[in-house]
Amino acid sequence: MSDFKLIVTDKLGRQVTVTANPNTTVDQLKELVADKTGLSGPEIILGKKNTYVIYSNGTATLSNYKIDERTPLFMRQ
């Protein structure tokens, strides 16, 4: 599976870009974001903006959630 870039935006509009692939788990993605932001991975909540969709199953992969390079991701603490 090939890697792709994901852009994750926080509530202040700041963005970080991480490289992942379809087999990356949600917990691994949180750690990638944590490495770029200095936040703690377990404290990061990832989801879709202005919806109640939260990616909470840490062992689920990005492909399980149908997340790819076109998926806008948002985080909060």
Protein backbone atom coordinates (compact mmCIF):
# COMPACT_ATOMS: atom_id res chain seq x y z
CA MET A 1 0.00 0.00 0.00
CA SER A 2 1.37 3.38 -0.89
CA ASP A 3 1.84 6.28 1.50
CA PHE A 4 -0.12 9.49 1.20
CA LYS A 5 -0.21 12.88 2.90
CA LEU A 6 -2.97 13.83 5.32
CA ILE A 7 -3.65 17.36 6.48
CA VAL A 8 -4.98 17.65 10.02
CA THR A 9 -6.43 21.00 11.13
CA ASP A 10 -7.00 22.13 14.72
CA LYS A 11 -9.80 24.39 15.96
CA LEU A 12 -7.61 27.48 15.44
CA GLY A 13 -7.02 26.59 11.80
CA ARG A 14 -3.42 25.47 12.26
CA GLN A 15 -2.50 22.56 10.03
CA VAL A 16 -0.02 19.73 10.25
CA THR A 17 0.78 17.32 7.46
CA VAL A 18 1.57 13.69 8.20
CA THR A 19 2.40 10.75 5.98
CA ALA A 20 0.31 7.62 6.43
CA ASN A 21 -1.03 4.68 4.47
CA PRO A 22 -4.30 2.73 4.44
CA ASN A 23 -2.95 0.29 7.05
CA THR A 24 -2.07 3.03 9.54
CA THR A 25 -4.21 2.70 12.66
CA VAL A 26 -6.01 5.61 14.30
CA ASP A 27 -3.68 5.34 17.31
CA GLN A 28 -0.64 5.46 15.00
CA LEU A 29 -2.10 8.51 13.25
CA LYS A 30 -2.60 10.23 16.60
CA GLU A 31 1.06 9.58 17.43
CA LEU A 32 2.15 11.02 14.06
CA VAL A 33 0.12 14.16 14.82
CA ALA A 34 1.49 14.26 18.38
CA ASP A 35 5.07 14.16 17.05
CA LYS A 36 4.34 17.27 14.95
CA THR A 37 2.35 19.22 17.56
CA GLY A 38 3.91 18.28 20.87
CA LEU A 39 0.52 17.15 22.16
CA SER A 40 -0.05 13.79 23.80
CA GLY A 41 -1.39 11.18 21.35
CA PRO A 42 -4.06 9.76 23.70
CA GLU A 43 -5.43 13.28 24.27
CA ILE A 44 -5.96 13.95 20.56
CA ILE A 45 -9.46 13.46 19.19
CA LEU A 46 -9.70 13.09 15.42
CA GLY A 47 -12.87 13.50 13.42
CA LYS A 48 -14.73 15.41 10.75
CA LYS A 49 -15.40 19.10 11.30
CA ASN A 50 -18.91 20.14 12.32
CA THR A 51 -20.11 16.56 12.54
CA TYR A 52 -20.37 13.98 15.23
CA VAL A 53 -18.07 11.60 13.37
CA ILE A 54 -15.19 10.78 15.71
CA TYR A 55 -12.52 8.25 14.80
CA SER A 56 -12.34 6.59 18.21
CA ASN A 57 -11.43 2.97 17.55
CA GLY A 58 -7.67 3.18 17.93
CA THR A 59 -7.02 -0.21 16.37
CA ALA A 60 -9.09 0.52 13.26
CA THR A 61 -7.10 1.40 10.16
CA LEU A 62 -7.56 4.40 7.94
CA SER A 63 -8.98 2.10 5.28
CA ASN A 64 -11.58 0.83 7.81
CA TYR A 65 -12.77 4.43 8.15
CA LYS A 66 -12.34 5.10 4.40
CA ILE A 67 -9.82 7.86 5.14
CA ASP A 68 -7.54 8.83 2.25
CA GLU A 69 -5.61 11.89 1.05
CA ARG A 70 -8.88 13.67 0.19
CA THR A 71 -10.36 13.27 3.68
CA PRO A 72 -10.32 16.50 5.70
CA LEU A 73 -9.35 15.62 9.26
CA PHE A 74 -9.79 17.85 12.28
CA MET A 75 -8.44 17.46 15.76
CA ARG A 76 -9.25 18.71 19.18
CA GLN A 77 -8.07 17.95 22.66
